[in-house]
C-alpha atoms as a PDB file:
ATOM      1  CA  MET A   1      20.031   9.260  21.578  1.00  0.00           C
ATOM      2  CA  GLN A   2      21.968  11.781  23.637  1.00  0.00           C
ATOM      3  CA  THR A   3      24.170  10.504  26.463  1.00  0.00           C
ATOM      4  CA  PRO A   4      23.158  12.045  29.804  1.00  0.00           C
ATOM      5  CA  VAL A   5      25.667  14.329  31.471  1.00  0.00           C
ATOM      6  CA  PRO A   6      27.165  12.456  34.438  1.00  0.00           C
ATOM      7  CA  LEU A   7      26.668  13.732  37.970  1.00  0.00           C
ATOM      8  CA  ALA A   8      29.812  14.991  39.709  1.00  0.00           C
ATOM      9  CA  ILE A   9      30.177  15.816  43.402  1.00  0.00           C
ATOM     10  CA  ARG A  10      32.839  18.294  44.497  1.00  0.00           C
ATOM     11  CA  ARG A  11      33.556  20.955  47.071  1.00  0.00           C
ATOM     12  CA  LEU A  12      32.402  24.368  46.037  1.00  0.00           C
ATOM     13  CA  VAL A  13      34.969  27.055  45.296  1.00  0.00           C
ATOM     14  CA  GLU A  14      34.437  30.791  45.612  1.00  0.00           C
ATOM     15  CA  ALA A  15      33.571  31.078  41.910  1.00  0.00           C
ATOM     16  CA  ASP A  16      30.492  28.920  42.672  1.00  0.00           C
ATOM     17  CA  ALA A  17      29.104  31.527  45.107  1.00  0.00           C
ATOM     18  CA  PRO A  18      26.525  33.052  42.695  1.00  0.00           C
ATOM     19  CA  ALA A  19      25.068  29.613  41.864  1.00  0.00           C
ATOM     20  CA  PHE A  20      25.141  28.635  45.559  1.00  0.00           C
ATOM     21  CA  LEU A  21      23.258  31.811  46.505  1.00  0.00           C
ATOM     22  CA  ALA A  22      20.666  31.319  43.744  1.00  0.00           C
ATOM     23  CA  MET A  23      20.076  27.689  44.718  1.00  0.00           C
ATOM     24  CA  ARG A  24      19.776  28.475  48.424  1.00  0.00           C
ATOM     25  CA  VAL A  25      17.219  31.242  47.792  1.00  0.00           C
ATOM     26  CA  ALA A  26      15.214  29.013  45.429  1.00  0.00           C
ATOM     27  CA  ALA A  27      15.247  26.172  47.993  1.00  0.00           C
ATOM     28  CA  ILE A  28      13.930  28.447  50.728  1.00  0.00           C
ATOM     29  CA  VAL A  29      11.219  29.897  48.483  1.00  0.00           C
ATOM     30  CA  GLU A  30      10.115  26.337  47.622  1.00  0.00           C
ATOM     31  CA  ASN A  31      10.103  25.025  51.221  1.00  0.00           C
ATOM     32  CA  PRO A  32      10.619  27.773  53.821  1.00  0.00           C
ATOM     33  CA  GLN A  33       9.677  25.402  56.665  1.00  0.00           C
ATOM     34  CA  TYR A  34      12.884  23.406  56.077  1.00  0.00           C
ATOM     35  CA  PHE A  35      15.378  26.253  56.362  1.00  0.00           C
ATOM     36  CA  GLY A  36      16.510  28.505  59.188  1.00  0.00           C
ATOM     37  CA  SER A  37      16.467  31.838  57.422  1.00  0.00           C
ATOM     38  CA  PRO A  38      14.031  33.633  55.130  1.00  0.00           C
ATOM     39  CA  ALA A  39      14.841  33.843  51.424  1.00  0.00           C
ATOM     40  CA  ALA A  40      14.999  37.657  51.553  1.00  0.00           C
ATOM     41  CA  GLU A  41      17.717  37.537  54.245  1.00  0.00           C
ATOM     42  CA  GLU A  42      19.763  35.027  52.275  1.00  0.00           C
ATOM     43  CA  GLU A  43      19.405  37.062  49.091  1.00  0.00           C
ATOM     44  CA  ALA A  44      20.378  40.256  50.921  1.00  0.00           C
ATOM     45  CA  ALA A  45      23.510  38.536  52.281  1.00  0.00           C
ATOM     46  CA  GLY A  46      24.880  38.615  48.741  1.00  0.00           C
ATOM     47  CA  VAL A  47      27.523  36.760  46.802  1.00  0.00           C
ATOM     48  CA  ALA A  48      30.391  37.869  49.086  1.00  0.00           C
ATOM     49  CA  GLU A  49      28.722  36.217  52.093  1.00  0.00           C
ATOM     50  CA  PHE A  50      28.177  33.024  50.113  1.00  0.00           C
ATOM     51  CA  ALA A  51      31.842  33.039  49.077  1.00  0.00           C
ATOM     52  CA  ALA A  52      32.707  33.362  52.788  1.00  0.00           C
ATOM     53  CA  ARG A  53      30.477  30.377  53.594  1.00  0.00           C
ATOM     54  CA  ILE A  54      32.346  28.378  50.958  1.00  0.00           C
ATOM     55  CA  ARG A  55      35.689  29.386  52.513  1.00  0.00           C
ATOM     56  CA  GLY A  56      34.355  28.497  55.977  1.00  0.00           C
ATOM     57  CA  LYS A  57      35.328  29.842  59.376  1.00  0.00           C
ATOM     58  CA  GLN A  58      36.635  26.696  61.067  1.00  0.00           C
ATOM     59  CA  ASP A  59      38.879  23.876  59.959  1.00  0.00           C
ATOM     60  CA  GLY A  60      36.525  21.269  58.530  1.00  0.00           C
ATOM     61  CA  ASP A  61      33.810  23.634  57.291  1.00  0.00           C
ATOM     62  CA  ALA A  62      32.847  22.571  53.772  1.00  0.00           C
ATOM     63  CA  VAL A  63      30.157  23.090  51.148  1.00  0.00           C
ATOM     64  CA  PHE A  64      29.654  20.388  48.525  1.00  0.00           C
ATOM     65  CA  GLY A  65      27.829  20.639  45.238  1.00  0.00           C
ATOM     66  CA  ALA A  66      26.326  18.174  42.809  1.00  0.00           C
ATOM     67  CA  PHE A  67      26.923  19.215  39.213  1.00  0.00           C
ATOM     68  CA  ARG A  68      25.576  18.125  35.844  1.00  0.00           C
ATOM     69  CA  GLY A  69      28.293  19.503  33.640  1.00  0.00           C
ATOM     70  CA  GLU A  70      28.719  23.089  34.833  1.00  0.00           C
ATOM     71  CA  VAL A  71      25.216  23.323  36.339  1.00  0.00           C
ATOM     72  CA  LEU A  72      24.820  23.167  40.124  1.00  0.00           C
ATOM     73  CA  VAL A  73      21.917  20.799  40.880  1.00  0.00           C
ATOM     74  CA  GLY A  74      22.362  20.179  44.612  1.00  0.00           C
ATOM     75  CA  ILE A  75      24.121  21.357  47.758  1.00  0.00           C
ATOM     76  CA  ALA A  76      24.994  20.022  51.208  1.00  0.00           C
ATOM     77  CA  ALA A  77      27.362  21.453  53.800  1.00  0.00           C
ATOM     78  CA  MET A  78      28.957  21.039  57.212  1.00  0.00           C
ATOM     79  CA  PHE A  79      30.115  23.616  59.704  1.00  0.00           C
ATOM     80  CA  ARG A  80      31.871  23.368  63.061  1.00  0.00           C
ATOM     81  CA  PRO A  81      31.214  25.580  66.067  1.00  0.00           C
ATOM     82  CA  ALA A  82      33.943  27.992  67.138  1.00  0.00           C
ATOM     83  CA  SER A  83      33.610  26.970  70.804  1.00  0.00           C
ATOM     84  CA  GLY A  84      36.478  24.855  72.064  1.00  0.00           C
ATOM     85  CA  THR A  85      34.131  22.540  73.960  1.00  0.00           C
ATOM     86  CA  MET A  86      31.996  21.896  70.871  1.00  0.00           C
ATOM     87  CA  LYS A  87      34.601  21.653  68.106  1.00  0.00           C
ATOM     88  CA  HIS A  88      34.226  17.881  68.140  1.00  0.00           C
ATOM     89  CA  ARG A  89      30.775  18.310  66.532  1.00  0.00           C
ATOM     90  CA  GLY A  90      29.880  19.105  62.962  1.00  0.00           C
ATOM     91  CA  THR A  91      26.488  20.212  61.734  1.00  0.00           C
ATOM     92  CA  LEU A  92      25.004  19.092  58.438  1.00  0.00           C
ATOM     93  CA  TRP A  93      23.115  21.994  56.879  1.00  0.00           C
ATOM     94  CA  GLY A  94      21.631  23.394  53.699  1.00  0.00           C
ATOM     95  CA  VAL A  95      20.819  20.102  51.983  1.00  0.00           C
ATOM     96  CA  HIS A  96      18.857  20.732  48.792  1.00  0.00           C
ATOM     97  CA  VAL A  97      18.544  19.013  45.435  1.00  0.00           C
ATOM     98  CA  GLU A  98      16.776  20.504  42.428  1.00  0.00           C
ATOM     99  CA  PRO A  99      13.352  18.938  41.737  1.00  0.00           C
ATOM    100  CA  GLY A 100      14.534  17.298  38.503  1.00  0.00           C
ATOM    101  CA  GLU A 101      17.267  15.450  40.420  1.00  0.00           C
ATOM    102  CA  ARG A 102      15.050  14.105  43.197  1.00  0.00           C
ATOM    103  CA  GLY A 103      14.637  10.371  43.242  1.00  0.00           C
ATOM    104  CA  GLY A 104      18.100   9.883  41.746  1.00  0.00           C
ATOM    105  CA  ASP A 105      21.373   9.583  43.614  1.00  0.00           C
ATOM    106  CA  ALA A 106      22.334  13.267  43.895  1.00  0.00           C
ATOM    107  CA  ALA A 107      21.119  13.761  47.475  1.00  0.00           C
ATOM    108  CA  GLU A 108      22.680  10.548  48.696  1.00  0.00           C
ATOM    109  CA  ARG A 109      26.017  11.257  47.049  1.00  0.00           C
ATOM    110  CA  LEU A 110      26.050  14.804  48.449  1.00  0.00           C
ATOM    111  CA  VAL A 111      25.248  13.787  52.016  1.00  0.00           C
ATOM    112  CA  ARG A 112      27.692  10.878  51.847  1.00  0.00           C
ATOM    113  CA  ALA A 113      30.373  13.370  50.763  1.00  0.00           C
ATOM    114  CA  VAL A 114      29.590  15.438  53.866  1.00  0.00           C
ATOM    115  CA  ILE A 115      29.622  12.317  56.066  1.00  0.00           C
ATOM    116  CA  ASP A 116      32.988  11.184  54.646  1.00  0.00           C
ATOM    117  CA  HIS A 117      34.380  14.683  55.159  1.00  0.00           C
ATOM    118  CA  ALA A 118      32.973  14.932  58.686  1.00  0.00           C
ATOM    119  CA  ARG A 119      34.461  11.573  59.675  1.00  0.00           C
ATOM    120  CA  CYS A 120      37.942  13.107  59.140  1.00  0.00           C
ATOM    121  CA  HIS A 121      37.202  16.266  61.165  1.00  0.00           C
ATOM    122  CA  VAL A 122      34.709  15.596  63.968  1.00  0.00           C
ATOM    123  CA  ASP A 123      33.496  12.925  66.379  1.00  0.00           C
ATOM    124  CA  VAL A 124      29.794  13.586  65.816  1.00  0.00           C
ATOM    125  CA  LEU A 125      27.732  14.906  62.906  1.00  0.00           C
ATOM    126  CA  THR A 126      24.373  16.433  63.779  1.00  0.00           C
ATOM    127  CA  GLY A 127      21.572  17.962  61.776  1.00  0.00           C
ATOM    128  CA  HIS A 128      17.835  18.470  61.688  1.00  0.00           C
ATOM    129  CA  VAL A 129      14.852  17.245  59.717  1.00  0.00           C
ATOM    130  CA  THR A 130      11.470  18.945  59.939  1.00  0.00           C
ATOM    131  CA  VAL A 131       8.885  16.814  61.721  1.00  0.00           C
ATOM    132  CA  GLY A 132       6.409  15.500  59.181  1.00  0.00           C
ATOM    133  CA  ASN A 133       8.954  15.292  56.345  1.00  0.00           C
ATOM    134  CA  ALA A 134       8.760  11.491  56.238  1.00  0.00           C
ATOM    135  CA  ARG A 135      10.730  11.158  53.003  1.00  0.00           C
ATOM    136  CA  ALA A 136      13.700  13.099  54.411  1.00  0.00           C
ATOM    137  CA  ARG A 137      13.509  11.201  57.706  1.00  0.00           C
ATOM    138  CA  ARG A 138      13.686   7.843  55.890  1.00  0.00           C
ATOM    139  CA  PHE A 139      16.552   9.149  53.751  1.00  0.00           C
ATOM    140  CA  TYR A 140      18.675  10.171  56.750  1.00  0.00           C
ATOM    141  CA  GLU A 141      17.857   6.973  58.611  1.00  0.00           C
ATOM    142  CA  ARG A 142      18.960   4.919  55.590  1.00  0.00           C
ATOM    143  CA  LEU A 143      22.275   6.799  55.571  1.00  0.00           C
ATOM    144  CA  GLY A 144      22.928   5.795  59.184  1.00  0.00           C
ATOM    145  CA  PHE A 145      21.722   8.772  61.215  1.00  0.00           C
ATOM    146  CA  ASP A 146      20.046   8.177  64.561  1.00  0.00           C
ATOM    147  CA  PHE A 147      17.413  10.512  65.952  1.00  0.00           C
ATOM    148  CA  SER A 148      18.110  11.964  69.387  1.00  0.00           C
ATOM    149  CA  GLY A 149      15.049  14.061  70.108  1.00  0.00           C
ATOM    150  CA  VAL A 150      12.873  16.892  68.896  1.00  0.00           C
ATOM    151  CA  GLU A 151      13.370  20.629  69.119  1.00  0.00           C
ATOM    152  CA  ARG A 152       9.954  22.230  69.443  1.00  0.00           C
ATOM    153  CA  LYS A 153       8.949  25.327  67.514  1.00  0.00           C
ATOM    154  CA  ILE A 154      12.395  25.738  65.976  1.00  0.00           C
ATOM    155  CA  PHE A 155      11.018  27.626  62.951  1.00  0.00           C
ATOM    156  CA  LYS A 156       8.060  29.935  62.541  1.00  0.00           C
ATOM    157  CA  VAL A 157       6.945  30.494  58.970  1.00  0.00           C
ATOM    158  CA  GLY A 158       3.756  32.293  58.010  1.00  0.00           C
ATOM    159  CA  GLY A 159       2.486  32.201  61.580  1.00  0.00           C
ATOM    160  CA  ARG A 160       2.958  28.426  61.870  1.00  0.00           C
ATOM    161  CA  HIS A 161       5.525  26.720  64.110  1.00  0.00           C
ATOM    162  CA  TYR A 162       7.630  23.792  62.914  1.00  0.00           C
ATOM    163  CA  ASP A 163       9.382  21.213  65.067  1.00  0.00           C
ATOM    164  CA  GLN A 164      12.576  19.499  63.997  1.00  0.00           C
ATOM    165  CA  GLU A 165      14.020  16.121  64.834  1.00  0.00           C
ATOM    166  CA  ILE A 166      17.691  16.080  65.750  1.00  0.00           C
ATOM    167  CA  LEU A 167      19.906  13.901  63.546  1.00  0.00           C
ATOM    168  CA  LEU A 168      23.002  12.309  65.042  1.00  0.00           C
ATOM    169  CA  MET A 169      25.820  10.256  63.554  1.00  0.00           C
ATOM    170  CA  ASP A 170      28.519   9.197  66.013  1.00  0.00           C
ATOM    171  CA  PHE A 171      31.928   8.389  64.515  1.00  0.00           C
ATOM    172  CA  THR A 172      33.605   7.361  67.797  1.00  0.00           C
END
């Protein structure tokens, strides 16, 4: 019997940009109602833009990946606003795990890596979960997020509007 390849969580480096781009596009194609940009726009952004996202713009920006060997199987990230009055906040974004990894610990380990990172850089970590995605809501609640309201009609995909609940984790 073959030993399974262990799951490793690490920050992405610029060399991971092609895999990051491919995973992000695939995630959006699978569930466009969960993401803030269309797959075609993400694909058109190209590898250089994804390398820039990995580098980040603000201190504390980070993109984490879950890997089975050399294969990227999940992503989760945090960014900080540039505004001086909002730099105390981080935003969790881009969480996705490949279908074959769902139900395991990849998503939890990825988001916990973002939470641990955020705790060192910001006072508050926010995010969103699409209303009606009960599995994701339970997941974030189990990890310690509170819910602080709903943003109505935040996405419009295929003529349909989607609301999102606001996630909040306060480190103060």
